Amino acid sequence: MVGLWSRVALEENSYIDEIIDYPDPWIQNKQPLGYLRLVGRLLRRRFNVAYVFHSHPLIHLIAVLARIPRRYGFFDPQLKKQGTLLTAKAEWEPNTDRYIADNYLDIPRLAGWQGFDLSLDFVLSEDDVKQTKSILDDHRLKEGEYVMIAPGGGINPRQNVFEKRWGNQKFADLCNLISDQWKLPIVLTGSPQEALIGEEIAAEPSEGLIDLIGKTSFRQTAGLIAQSKMLVSNDSSVMHLAVAFKTPSLAIFGPSNPKSLLPQSEINQWITSGLDCSPCYCNSIFEGCEHLNCMKQLTAEAVIERLNRMSELTS
């Protein structure tokens, strides 16, 4: 069961028999009628086990009201969410040096599962693959011979955190450096809400720049990342796609904690400015920053230097 916003991440996955989705505002904006409709849908299905990957008691209450007898989920002592409605509970450990995927696996471990596989799955359908090939052909791109850049992100149903974005000018500078040094086409990707970002970056003269921001679906973007040489992004959903496809990637981090959000890997790396005040984005809530020096002090030259070292490792 997921919000409509994240359904796309689970479609085509053969491990899943059915996806029950709902409009995110029913939960995020605490809409009581929608909340009760969701409870009713689950109640009619008579489920007997729920794995709840969230620490909020309102989410736990859904499983209680739906009369699901076994409820495994998170508690969060820092936010005083003790998980009293759960049958068994594991501690939610955000913003630590532990990869979040391993923390999520604590929930099935409560029920006796003993696995430790931290790999991610994103399944492309045959149609997704065909659409990706069509886009590559339309732009005369070859597999493994173009670089993906995702300059947006910071948008989710709970809270928009645009401070996670490195900045349009910095990405434009990076595109020029990649074009000069790698001599490869660069594909900009992002959601329709980020179209202006692409326009600003594309306004800078950079040979071989293709702006597809707002012009491809999320699944098409996934296909393009899977076939690319490298992805450079902010801390956003697409960096997880690179991990799933084992595509080399570099994620730019500022307020959030990269050790929590990315696995230790030679091909999927992160870069920060290394300021002591970062990370400051805790428990999925960002309280703001007066200077955002963590992003301002990270230069395009530092990023291309890391990319060059990664390219040597993965070539």
C-alpha atoms as a PDB file:
ATOM      1  CA  MET A   1       0.000   0.000   0.000  1.00  0.00           C
ATOM      2  CA  VAL A   2       1.511   3.296  -1.126  1.00  0.00           C
ATOM      3  CA  GLY A   3       0.558   6.847  -1.955  1.00  0.00           C
ATOM      4  CA  LEU A   4      -0.060   7.602  -5.626  1.00  0.00           C
ATOM      5  CA  TRP A   5       3.172   9.631  -5.706  1.00  0.00           C
ATOM      6  CA  SER A   6       5.345   6.568  -5.120  1.00  0.00           C
ATOM      7  CA  ARG A   7       3.330   3.889  -6.941  1.00  0.00           C
ATOM      8  CA  VAL A   8       5.539   4.201 -10.019  1.00  0.00           C
ATOM      9  CA  ALA A   9       8.498   2.784  -8.066  1.00  0.00           C
ATOM     10  CA  LEU A  10       6.686  -0.533  -7.517  1.00  0.00           C
ATOM     11  CA  GLU A  11       4.927  -1.148 -10.828  1.00  0.00           C
ATOM     12  CA  GLU A  12       6.071  -4.185 -12.853  1.00  0.00           C
ATOM     13  CA  ASN A  13       7.778  -5.710  -9.787  1.00  0.00           C
ATOM     14  CA  SER A  14       7.158  -9.461  -9.932  1.00  0.00           C
ATOM     15  CA  TYR A  15       7.555  -9.815  -6.149  1.00  0.00           C
ATOM     16  CA  ILE A  16       4.375  -7.797  -5.620  1.00  0.00           C
ATOM     17  CA  ASP A  17       0.947  -9.351  -6.216  1.00  0.00           C
ATOM     18  CA  GLU A  18      -1.080  -6.162  -5.917  1.00  0.00           C
ATOM     19  CA  ILE A  19      -0.593  -2.455  -5.242  1.00  0.00           C
ATOM     20  CA  ILE A  20      -3.196  -0.554  -3.214  1.00  0.00           C
ATOM     21  CA  ASP A  21      -2.691   3.182  -3.708  1.00  0.00           C
ATOM     22  CA  TYR A  22      -4.342   6.279  -2.284  1.00  0.00           C
ATOM     23  CA  PRO A  23      -4.084  10.066  -2.762  1.00  0.00           C
ATOM     24  CA  ASP A  24      -1.167  11.252  -0.607  1.00  0.00           C
ATOM     25  CA  PRO A  25      -3.108  14.209   0.925  1.00  0.00           C
ATOM     26  CA  TRP A  26      -5.393  11.719   2.699  1.00  0.00           C
ATOM     27  CA  ILE A  27      -2.479  11.027   5.043  1.00  0.00           C
ATOM     28  CA  GLN A  28      -0.101  13.963   4.633  1.00  0.00           C
ATOM     29  CA  ASN A  29      -2.806  16.618   5.108  1.00  0.00           C
ATOM     30  CA  LYS A  30      -4.815  14.514   7.564  1.00  0.00           C
ATOM     31  CA  GLN A  31      -8.031  14.416   5.538  1.00  0.00           C
ATOM     32  CA  PRO A  32     -10.429  12.397   7.742  1.00  0.00           C
ATOM     33  CA  LEU A  33     -12.828  11.184   5.040  1.00  0.00           C
ATOM     34  CA  GLY A  34     -10.020   9.923   2.839  1.00  0.00           C
ATOM     35  CA  TYR A  35      -8.343   8.349   5.859  1.00  0.00           C
ATOM     36  CA  LEU A  36     -11.530   6.437   6.720  1.00  0.00           C
ATOM     37  CA  ARG A  37     -12.011   5.353   3.091  1.00  0.00           C
ATOM     38  CA  LEU A  38      -8.532   3.845   3.175  1.00  0.00           C
ATOM     39  CA  VAL A  39      -9.301   2.052   6.431  1.00  0.00           C
ATOM     40  CA  GLY A  40     -12.502   0.698   4.901  1.00  0.00           C
ATOM     41  CA  ARG A  41     -10.699  -0.659   1.831  1.00  0.00           C
ATOM     42  CA  LEU A  42      -8.250  -2.556   4.042  1.00  0.00           C
ATOM     43  CA  LEU A  43     -10.935  -3.728   6.462  1.00  0.00           C
ATOM     44  CA  ARG A  44     -12.886  -5.388   3.653  1.00  0.00           C
ATOM     45  CA  ARG A  45      -9.787  -7.313   2.569  1.00  0.00           C
ATOM     46  CA  ARG A  46      -9.247  -8.896   6.018  1.00  0.00           C
ATOM     47  CA  PHE A  47      -5.453  -8.824   5.957  1.00  0.00           C
ATOM     48  CA  ASN A  48      -3.728 -10.668   8.793  1.00  0.00           C
ATOM     49  CA  VAL A  49      -0.231  -9.099   8.734  1.00  0.00           C
ATOM     50  CA  ALA A  50       0.944  -5.521   8.159  1.00  0.00           C
ATOM     51  CA  TYR A  51       4.538  -4.355   7.762  1.00  0.00           C
ATOM     52  CA  VAL A  52       4.403  -0.603   8.401  1.00  0.00           C
ATOM     53  CA  PHE A  53       7.540   1.246   7.287  1.00  0.00           C
ATOM     54  CA  HIS A  54       6.663   4.396   9.207  1.00  0.00           C
ATOM     55  CA  SER A  55       6.822   5.540  12.812  1.00  0.00           C
ATOM     56  CA  HIS A  56       3.783   7.843  12.886  1.00  0.00           C
ATOM     57  CA  PRO A  57       0.939   6.572  15.106  1.00  0.00           C
ATOM     58  CA  LEU A  58      -1.690   7.744  12.584  1.00  0.00           C
ATOM     59  CA  ILE A  59      -0.235   5.280  10.082  1.00  0.00           C
ATOM     60  CA  HIS A  60      -0.179   2.533  12.705  1.00  0.00           C
ATOM     61  CA  LEU A  61      -3.816   3.319  13.563  1.00  0.00           C
ATOM     62  CA  ILE A  62      -4.873   2.458  10.008  1.00  0.00           C
ATOM     63  CA  ALA A  63      -3.773  -1.139  10.574  1.00  0.00           C
ATOM     64  CA  VAL A  64      -5.509  -1.228  13.972  1.00  0.00           C
ATOM     65  CA  LEU A  65      -8.823   0.106  12.608  1.00  0.00           C
ATOM     66  CA  ALA A  66      -8.568  -2.328   9.685  1.00  0.00           C
ATOM     67  CA  ARG A  67      -8.389  -5.115  12.313  1.00  0.00           C
ATOM     68  CA  ILE A  68      -5.064  -6.452  11.137  1.00  0.00           C
ATOM     69  CA  PRO A  69      -3.936  -8.605  14.088  1.00  0.00           C
ATOM     70  CA  ARG A  70      -0.165  -8.684  13.481  1.00  0.00           C
ATOM     71  CA  ARG A  71       1.415  -5.241  12.993  1.00  0.00           C
ATOM     72  CA  TYR A  72       5.177  -4.784  12.614  1.00  0.00           C
ATOM     73  CA  GLY A  73       6.550  -1.255  12.402  1.00  0.00           C
ATOM     74  CA  PHE A  74       8.862   1.497  13.609  1.00  0.00           C
ATOM     75  CA  PHE A  75       8.965   3.529  16.788  1.00  0.00           C
ATOM     76  CA  ASP A  76      10.934   6.775  17.072  1.00  0.00           C
ATOM     77  CA  PRO A  77      12.030   7.726  20.607  1.00  0.00           C
ATOM     78  CA  GLN A  78      13.433  11.083  19.415  1.00  0.00           C
ATOM     79  CA  LEU A  79       9.969  12.198  18.261  1.00  0.00           C
ATOM     80  CA  LYS A  80       8.218  10.434  21.158  1.00  0.00           C
ATOM     81  CA  LYS A  81       6.485   7.989  18.798  1.00  0.00           C
ATOM     82  CA  GLN A  82       6.617   4.866  20.929  1.00  0.00           C
ATOM     83  CA  GLY A  83       4.777   2.459  18.637  1.00  0.00           C
ATOM     84  CA  THR A  84       2.214   1.447  21.261  1.00  0.00           C
ATOM     85  CA  LEU A  85      -0.231   0.291  18.549  1.00  0.00           C
ATOM     86  CA  LEU A  86       2.217  -2.226  17.111  1.00  0.00           C
ATOM     87  CA  THR A  87       2.495  -5.936  17.830  1.00  0.00           C
ATOM     88  CA  ALA A  88       6.290  -5.714  17.548  1.00  0.00           C
ATOM     89  CA  LYS A  89       8.497  -2.734  16.775  1.00  0.00           C
ATOM     90  CA  ALA A  90      11.976  -1.734  15.643  1.00  0.00           C
ATOM     91  CA  GLU A  91      13.697   1.596  16.190  1.00  0.00           C
ATOM     92  CA  TRP A  92      13.644   4.097  13.333  1.00  0.00           C
ATOM     93  CA  GLU A  93      17.214   5.406  12.932  1.00  0.00           C
ATOM     94  CA  PRO A  94      17.219   8.271  10.400  1.00  0.00           C
ATOM     95  CA  ASN A  95      20.183  10.560   9.827  1.00  0.00           C
ATOM     96  CA  THR A  96      22.716   8.064  11.164  1.00  0.00           C
ATOM     97  CA  ASP A  97      25.612   6.426   9.342  1.00  0.00           C
ATOM     98  CA  ARG A  98      23.521   3.286   8.819  1.00  0.00           C
ATOM     99  CA  TYR A  99      22.147   2.790   5.298  1.00  0.00           C
ATOM    100  CA  ILE A 100      18.407   3.331   5.461  1.00  0.00           C
ATOM    101  CA  ALA A 101      17.646   0.161   3.441  1.00  0.00           C
ATOM    102  CA  ASP A 102      19.110  -1.933   6.252  1.00  0.00           C
ATOM    103  CA  ASN A 103      16.979  -0.056   8.787  1.00  0.00           C
ATOM    104  CA  TYR A 104      13.853  -0.826   6.741  1.00  0.00           C
ATOM    105  CA  LEU A 105      14.722  -4.521   6.780  1.00  0.00           C
ATOM    106  CA  ASP A 106      14.425  -4.459  10.583  1.00  0.00           C
ATOM    107  CA  ILE A 107      10.650  -4.657  10.065  1.00  0.00           C
ATOM    108  CA  PRO A 108      10.511  -8.092   8.371  1.00  0.00           C
ATOM    109  CA  ARG A 109      13.253  -9.214  10.760  1.00  0.00           C
ATOM    110  CA  LEU A 110      10.730  -8.706  13.561  1.00  0.00           C
ATOM    111  CA  ALA A 111       8.683 -11.485  11.977  1.00  0.00           C
ATOM    112  CA  GLY A 112      11.650 -13.857  11.744  1.00  0.00           C
ATOM    113  CA  TRP A 113      13.167 -13.031   8.352  1.00  0.00           C
ATOM    114  CA  GLN A 114      16.968 -13.222   8.468  1.00  0.00           C
ATOM    115  CA  GLY A 115      18.165 -11.692   5.190  1.00  0.00           C
ATOM    116  CA  PHE A 116      20.710  -8.922   4.620  1.00  0.00           C
ATOM    117  CA  ASP A 117      20.424  -8.208   0.884  1.00  0.00           C
ATOM    118  CA  LEU A 118      20.429  -4.394   0.567  1.00  0.00           C
ATOM    119  CA  SER A 119      20.100  -4.235  -3.222  1.00  0.00           C
ATOM    120  CA  LEU A 120      17.255  -2.218  -4.745  1.00  0.00           C
ATOM    121  CA  ASP A 121      14.797  -3.267  -7.466  1.00  0.00           C
ATOM    122  CA  PHE A 122      13.240  -1.105 -10.160  1.00  0.00           C
ATOM    123  CA  VAL A 123      11.714  -3.202 -12.919  1.00  0.00           C
ATOM    124  CA  LEU A 124      11.409  -1.901 -16.475  1.00  0.00           C
ATOM    125  CA  SER A 125       8.707  -3.433 -18.661  1.00  0.00           C
ATOM    126  CA  GLU A 126       9.251  -4.347 -22.314  1.00  0.00           C
ATOM    127  CA  ASP A 127       7.340  -1.202 -23.243  1.00  0.00           C
ATOM    128  CA  ASP A 128       9.585   0.909 -20.985  1.00  0.00           C
ATOM    129  CA  VAL A 129      12.644  -0.504 -22.757  1.00  0.00           C
ATOM    130  CA  LYS A 130      11.134   0.203 -26.191  1.00  0.00           C
ATOM    131  CA  GLN A 131      10.285   3.783 -25.218  1.00  0.00           C
ATOM    132  CA  THR A 132      13.813   4.319 -23.920  1.00  0.00           C
ATOM    133  CA  LYS A 133      15.289   3.041 -27.179  1.00  0.00           C
ATOM    134  CA  SER A 134      13.009   5.356 -29.133  1.00  0.00           C
ATOM    135  CA  ILE A 135      14.179   8.373 -27.117  1.00  0.00           C
ATOM    136  CA  LEU A 136      17.813   7.393 -27.626  1.00  0.00           C
ATOM    137  CA  ASP A 137      17.268   7.001 -31.367  1.00  0.00           C
ATOM    138  CA  ASP A 138      15.417  10.338 -31.621  1.00  0.00           C
ATOM    139  CA  HIS A 139      18.391  12.136 -30.069  1.00  0.00           C
ATOM    140  CA  ARG A 140      21.096   9.998 -31.677  1.00  0.00           C
ATOM    141  CA  LEU A 141      22.343   8.764 -28.329  1.00  0.00           C
ATOM    142  CA  LYS A 142      24.241   5.517 -27.847  1.00  0.00           C
ATOM    143  CA  GLU A 143      24.109   3.218 -24.828  1.00  0.00           C
ATOM    144  CA  GLY A 144      26.822   4.080 -22.307  1.00  0.00           C
ATOM    145  CA  GLU A 145      27.934   7.152 -24.249  1.00  0.00           C
ATOM    146  CA  TYR A 146      25.980   9.976 -22.610  1.00  0.00           C
ATOM    147  CA  VAL A 147      25.792  11.552 -19.149  1.00  0.00           C
ATOM    148  CA  MET A 148      22.551  12.116 -17.232  1.00  0.00           C
ATOM    149  CA  ILE A 149      22.177  15.249 -15.107  1.00  0.00           C
ATOM    150  CA  ALA A 150      19.244  15.666 -12.685  1.00  0.00           C
ATOM    151  CA  PRO A 151      19.470  19.224 -11.275  1.00  0.00           C
ATOM    152  CA  GLY A 152      16.099  19.240  -9.485  1.00  0.00           C
ATOM    153  CA  GLY A 153      14.597  17.270  -6.639  1.00  0.00           C
ATOM    154  CA  GLY A 154      13.615  18.225  -3.126  1.00  0.00           C
ATOM    155  CA  ILE A 155       9.900  17.695  -3.844  1.00  0.00           C
ATOM    156  CA  ASN A 156       7.750  15.197  -1.986  1.00  0.00           C
ATOM    157  CA  PRO A 157       4.192  15.096  -0.602  1.00  0.00           C
ATOM    158  CA  ARG A 158       5.309  15.892   2.928  1.00  0.00           C
ATOM    159  CA  GLN A 159       7.649  18.844   2.488  1.00  0.00           C
ATOM    160  CA  ASN A 160       9.475  20.614  -0.351  1.00  0.00           C
ATOM    161  CA  VAL A 161      13.161  21.084   0.475  1.00  0.00           C
ATOM    162  CA  PHE A 162      14.641  23.049  -2.418  1.00  0.00           C
ATOM    163  CA  GLU A 163      17.733  23.650  -0.296  1.00  0.00           C
ATOM    164  CA  LYS A 164      18.821  20.150  -1.395  1.00  0.00           C
ATOM    165  CA  ARG A 165      19.428  21.571  -4.875  1.00  0.00           C
ATOM    166  CA  TRP A 166      22.988  22.502  -5.750  1.00  0.00           C
ATOM    167  CA  GLY A 167      21.962  25.392  -8.021  1.00  0.00           C
ATOM    168  CA  ASN A 168      21.326  25.990 -11.717  1.00  0.00           C
ATOM    169  CA  GLN A 169      24.523  27.936 -12.384  1.00  0.00           C
ATOM    170  CA  LYS A 170      26.690  25.297 -10.741  1.00  0.00           C
ATOM    171  CA  PHE A 171      25.078  22.586 -12.849  1.00  0.00           C
ATOM    172  CA  ALA A 172      25.552  24.734 -15.961  1.00  0.00           C
ATOM    173  CA  ASP A 173      29.245  25.101 -15.085  1.00  0.00           C
ATOM    174  CA  LEU A 174      29.506  21.349 -14.561  1.00  0.00           C
ATOM    175  CA  CYS A 175      27.854  20.652 -17.926  1.00  0.00           C
ATOM    176  CA  ASN A 176      30.490  22.806 -19.626  1.00  0.00           C
ATOM    177  CA  LEU A 177      33.290  20.962 -17.843  1.00  0.00           C
ATOM    178  CA  ILE A 178      31.866  17.547 -18.754  1.00  0.00           C
ATOM    179  CA  SER A 179      31.392  18.621 -22.357  1.00  0.00           C
ATOM    180  CA  ASP A 180      34.949  19.980 -22.601  1.00  0.00           C
ATOM    181  CA  GLN A 181      36.671  17.060 -20.886  1.00  0.00           C
ATOM    182  CA  TRP A 182      34.534  14.024 -21.750  1.00  0.00           C
ATOM    183  CA  LYS A 183      33.228  15.046 -25.197  1.00  0.00           C
ATOM    184  CA  LEU A 184      29.954  13.251 -24.484  1.00  0.00           C
ATOM    185  CA  PRO A 185      26.314  14.338 -24.874  1.00  0.00           C
ATOM    186  CA  ILE A 186      24.585  15.464 -21.672  1.00  0.00           C
ATOM    187  CA  VAL A 187      20.915  14.741 -20.997  1.00  0.00           C
ATOM    188  CA  LEU A 188      19.035  16.873 -18.458  1.00  0.00           C
ATOM    189  CA  THR A 189      16.185  15.097 -16.707  1.00  0.00           C
ATOM    190  CA  GLY A 190      13.522  16.089 -14.213  1.00  0.00           C
ATOM    191  CA  SER A 191       9.814  16.572 -13.598  1.00  0.00           C
ATOM    192  CA  PRO A 192       7.510  19.045 -15.401  1.00  0.00           C
ATOM    193  CA  GLN A 193       7.632  21.308 -12.322  1.00  0.00           C
ATOM    194  CA  GLU A 194      11.384  21.684 -12.927  1.00  0.00           C
ATOM    195  CA  ALA A 195      11.178  22.791 -16.564  1.00  0.00           C
ATOM    196  CA  LEU A 196      12.516  26.283 -15.776  1.00  0.00           C
ATOM    197  CA  ILE A 197      15.651  24.722 -14.302  1.00  0.00           C
ATOM    198  CA  GLY A 198      16.362  23.057 -17.619  1.00  0.00           C
ATOM    199  CA  GLU A 199      15.760  26.272 -19.523  1.00  0.00           C
ATOM    200  CA  GLU A 200      18.218  28.181 -17.351  1.00  0.00           C
ATOM    201  CA  ILE A 201      20.929  25.522 -17.607  1.00  0.00           C
ATOM    202  CA  ALA A 202      20.401  25.106 -21.360  1.00  0.00           C
ATOM    203  CA  ALA A 203      20.745  28.876 -21.814  1.00  0.00           C
ATOM    204  CA  GLU A 204      24.451  28.463 -21.050  1.00  0.00           C
ATOM    205  CA  PRO A 205      26.420  27.440 -24.171  1.00  0.00           C
ATOM    206  CA  SER A 206      27.283  23.754 -23.780  1.00  0.00           C
ATOM    207  CA  GLU A 207      27.885  21.463 -26.731  1.00  0.00           C
ATOM    208  CA  GLY A 208      25.708  18.347 -26.915  1.00  0.00           C
ATOM    209  CA  LEU A 209      23.253  19.392 -24.180  1.00  0.00           C
ATOM    210  CA  ILE A 210      19.798  17.803 -24.504  1.00  0.00           C
ATOM    211  CA  ASP A 211      17.091  19.200 -22.220  1.00  0.00           C
ATOM    212  CA  LEU A 212      14.486  16.503 -21.464  1.00  0.00           C
ATOM    213  CA  ILE A 213      13.266  18.006 -18.188  1.00  0.00           C
ATOM    214  CA  GLY A 214       9.503  17.573 -18.083  1.00  0.00           C
ATOM    215  CA  LYS A 215       9.529  15.688 -21.386  1.00  0.00           C
ATOM    216  CA  THR A 216       9.896  12.118 -20.126  1.00  0.00           C
ATOM    217  CA  SER A 217       7.965  10.069 -17.592  1.00  0.00           C
ATOM    218  CA  PHE A 218       9.634   8.770 -14.451  1.00  0.00           C
ATOM    219  CA  ARG A 219       9.839   5.290 -15.969  1.00  0.00           C
ATOM    220  CA  GLN A 220      11.356   6.663 -19.181  1.00  0.00           C
ATOM    221  CA  THR A 221      13.863   8.557 -17.074  1.00  0.00           C
ATOM    222  CA  ALA A 222      14.677   5.299 -15.295  1.00  0.00           C
ATOM    223  CA  GLY A 223      15.340   3.632 -18.633  1.00  0.00           C
ATOM    224  CA  LEU A 224      17.634   6.465 -19.711  1.00  0.00           C
ATOM    225  CA  ILE A 225      19.594   6.252 -16.443  1.00  0.00           C
ATOM    226  CA  ALA A 226      19.965   2.488 -16.862  1.00  0.00           C
ATOM    227  CA  GLN A 227      21.592   2.985 -20.280  1.00  0.00           C
ATOM    228  CA  SER A 228      23.783   5.999 -19.412  1.00  0.00           C
ATOM    229  CA  LYS A 229      27.478   6.216 -18.629  1.00  0.00           C
ATOM    230  CA  MET A 230      26.975   8.246 -15.449  1.00  0.00           C
ATOM    231  CA  LEU A 231      24.311  10.066 -13.449  1.00  0.00           C
ATOM    232  CA  VAL A 232      24.952  13.290 -11.528  1.00  0.00           C
ATOM    233  CA  SER A 233      22.098  14.430  -9.295  1.00  0.00           C
ATOM    234  CA  ASN A 234      21.087  16.120  -6.102  1.00  0.00           C
ATOM    235  CA  ASP A 235      19.808  14.031  -3.192  1.00  0.00           C
ATOM    236  CA  SER A 236      16.622  12.921  -4.970  1.00  0.00           C
ATOM    237  CA  SER A 237      14.721   9.846  -6.141  1.00  0.00           C
ATOM    238  CA  VAL A 238      16.779   9.337  -9.302  1.00  0.00           C
ATOM    239  CA  MET A 239      19.962   8.604  -7.341  1.00  0.00           C
ATOM    240  CA  HIS A 240      18.224   5.457  -6.040  1.00  0.00           C
ATOM    241  CA  LEU A 241      17.482   4.418  -9.629  1.00  0.00           C
ATOM    242  CA  ALA A 242      21.208   4.492 -10.362  1.00  0.00           C
ATOM    243  CA  VAL A 243      21.813   2.241  -7.351  1.00  0.00           C
ATOM    244  CA  ALA A 244      19.115  -0.178  -8.544  1.00  0.00           C
ATOM    245  CA  PHE A 245      20.554  -0.371 -12.079  1.00  0.00           C
ATOM    246  CA  LYS A 246      24.188  -0.334 -10.902  1.00  0.00           C
ATOM    247  CA  THR A 247      24.764   2.728 -13.062  1.00  0.00           C
ATOM    248  CA  PRO A 248      27.756   4.822 -11.897  1.00  0.00           C
ATOM    249  CA  SER A 249      26.475   7.933 -10.144  1.00  0.00           C
ATOM    250  CA  LEU A 250      27.543  10.894  -8.059  1.00  0.00           C
ATOM    251  CA  ALA A 251      25.012  12.506  -5.723  1.00  0.00           C
ATOM    252  CA  ILE A 252      25.499  16.048  -4.439  1.00  0.00           C
ATOM    253  CA  PHE A 253      24.607  16.411  -0.771  1.00  0.00           C
ATOM    254  CA  GLY A 254      24.170  19.401   1.498  1.00  0.00           C
ATOM    255  CA  PRO A 255      21.577  19.401   4.323  1.00  0.00           C
ATOM    256  CA  SER A 256      20.924  15.633   4.310  1.00  0.00           C
ATOM    257  CA  ASN A 257      23.101  12.733   5.387  1.00  0.00           C
ATOM    258  CA  PRO A 258      24.609  10.740   2.478  1.00  0.00           C
ATOM    259  CA  LYS A 259      25.729   7.860   4.697  1.00  0.00           C
ATOM    260  CA  SER A 260      22.102   7.210   5.584  1.00  0.00           C
ATOM    261  CA  LEU A 261      20.748   7.473   2.048  1.00  0.00           C
ATOM    262  CA  LEU A 262      23.337   5.714  -0.115  1.00  0.00           C
ATOM    263  CA  PRO A 263      25.144   2.382   0.278  1.00  0.00           C
ATOM    264  CA  GLN A 264      28.928   2.196   0.494  1.00  0.00           C
ATOM    265  CA  SER A 265      29.917   1.676  -3.128  1.00  0.00           C
ATOM    266  CA  GLU A 266      32.659   2.495  -5.609  1.00  0.00           C
ATOM    267  CA  ILE A 267      30.200   3.152  -8.428  1.00  0.00           C
ATOM    268  CA  ASN A 268      27.484   5.033  -6.495  1.00  0.00           C
ATOM    269  CA  GLN A 269      29.226   7.813  -4.613  1.00  0.00           C
ATOM    270  CA  TRP A 270      28.356  11.106  -2.952  1.00  0.00           C
ATOM    271  CA  ILE A 271      30.133  14.415  -2.532  1.00  0.00           C
ATOM    272  CA  THR A 272      29.744  17.238   0.017  1.00  0.00           C
ATOM    273  CA  SER A 273      31.575  20.420   0.908  1.00  0.00           C
ATOM    274  CA  GLY A 274      32.475  18.821   4.255  1.00  0.00           C
ATOM    275  CA  LEU A 275      31.135  21.560   6.529  1.00  0.00           C
ATOM    276  CA  ASP A 276      30.740  20.682  10.209  1.00  0.00           C
ATOM    277  CA  CYS A 277      27.165  22.024  10.359  1.00  0.00           C
ATOM    278  CA  SER A 278      25.983  19.483   7.790  1.00  0.00           C
ATOM    279  CA  PRO A 279      23.847  17.382   7.857  1.00  0.00           C
ATOM    280  CA  CYS A 280      21.008  19.350   9.433  1.00  0.00           C
ATOM    281  CA  TYR A 281      18.014  17.712   7.729  1.00  0.00           C
ATOM    282  CA  CYS A 282      16.796  15.274  10.385  1.00  0.00           C
ATOM    283  CA  ASN A 283      13.813  12.945  10.687  1.00  0.00           C
ATOM    284  CA  SER A 284      12.561  13.998   7.239  1.00  0.00           C
ATOM    285  CA  ILE A 285      11.958  17.533   8.528  1.00  0.00           C
ATOM    286  CA  PHE A 286      14.031  20.518   7.403  1.00  0.00           C
ATOM    287  CA  GLU A 287      13.829  23.546   9.684  1.00  0.00           C
ATOM    288  CA  GLY A 288      15.699  25.858   7.325  1.00  0.00           C
ATOM    289  CA  CYS A 289      19.177  27.364   7.038  1.00  0.00           C
ATOM    290  CA  GLU A 290      20.316  30.988   6.985  1.00  0.00           C
ATOM    291  CA  HIS A 291      23.387  30.531   4.767  1.00  0.00           C
ATOM    292  CA  LEU A 292      23.338  27.126   2.988  1.00  0.00           C
ATOM    293  CA  ASN A 293      27.122  27.223   2.746  1.00  0.00           C
ATOM    294  CA  CYS A 294      27.200  23.442   2.414  1.00  0.00           C
ATOM    295  CA  MET A 295      25.906  23.868  -1.141  1.00  0.00           C
ATOM    296  CA  LYS A 296      27.481  27.217  -1.987  1.00  0.00           C
ATOM    297  CA  GLN A 297      31.025  26.097  -1.180  1.00  0.00           C
ATOM    298  CA  LEU A 298      30.934  22.966  -3.335  1.00  0.00           C
ATOM    299  CA  THR A 299      32.386  23.892  -6.730  1.00  0.00           C
ATOM    300  CA  ALA A 300      31.891  22.444 -10.185  1.00  0.00           C
ATOM    301  CA  GLU A 301      35.654  21.877 -10.336  1.00  0.00           C
ATOM    302  CA  ALA A 302      35.484  19.645  -7.239  1.00  0.00           C
ATOM    303  CA  VAL A 303      32.641  17.659  -8.754  1.00  0.00           C
ATOM    304  CA  ILE A 304      34.331  17.088 -12.132  1.00  0.00           C
ATOM    305  CA  GLU A 305      37.511  16.036 -10.330  1.00  0.00           C
ATOM    306  CA  ARG A 306      35.563  13.335  -8.493  1.00  0.00           C
ATOM    307  CA  LEU A 307      33.794  12.306 -11.689  1.00  0.00           C
ATOM    308  CA  ASN A 308      37.118  11.903 -13.452  1.00  0.00           C
ATOM    309  CA  ARG A 309      38.380   9.617 -10.678  1.00  0.00           C
ATOM    310  CA  MET A 310      35.154   7.601 -10.816  1.00  0.00           C
ATOM    311  CA  SER A 311      35.386   7.299 -14.579  1.00  0.00           C
ATOM    312  CA  GLU A 312      38.835   5.751 -14.237  1.00  0.00           C
ATOM    313  CA  LEU A 313      37.470   3.227 -11.719  1.00  0.00           C
ATOM    314  CA  THR A 314      34.453   2.221 -13.790  1.00  0.00           C
ATOM    315  CA  SER A 315      35.970   2.288 -17.281  1.00  0.00           C
END
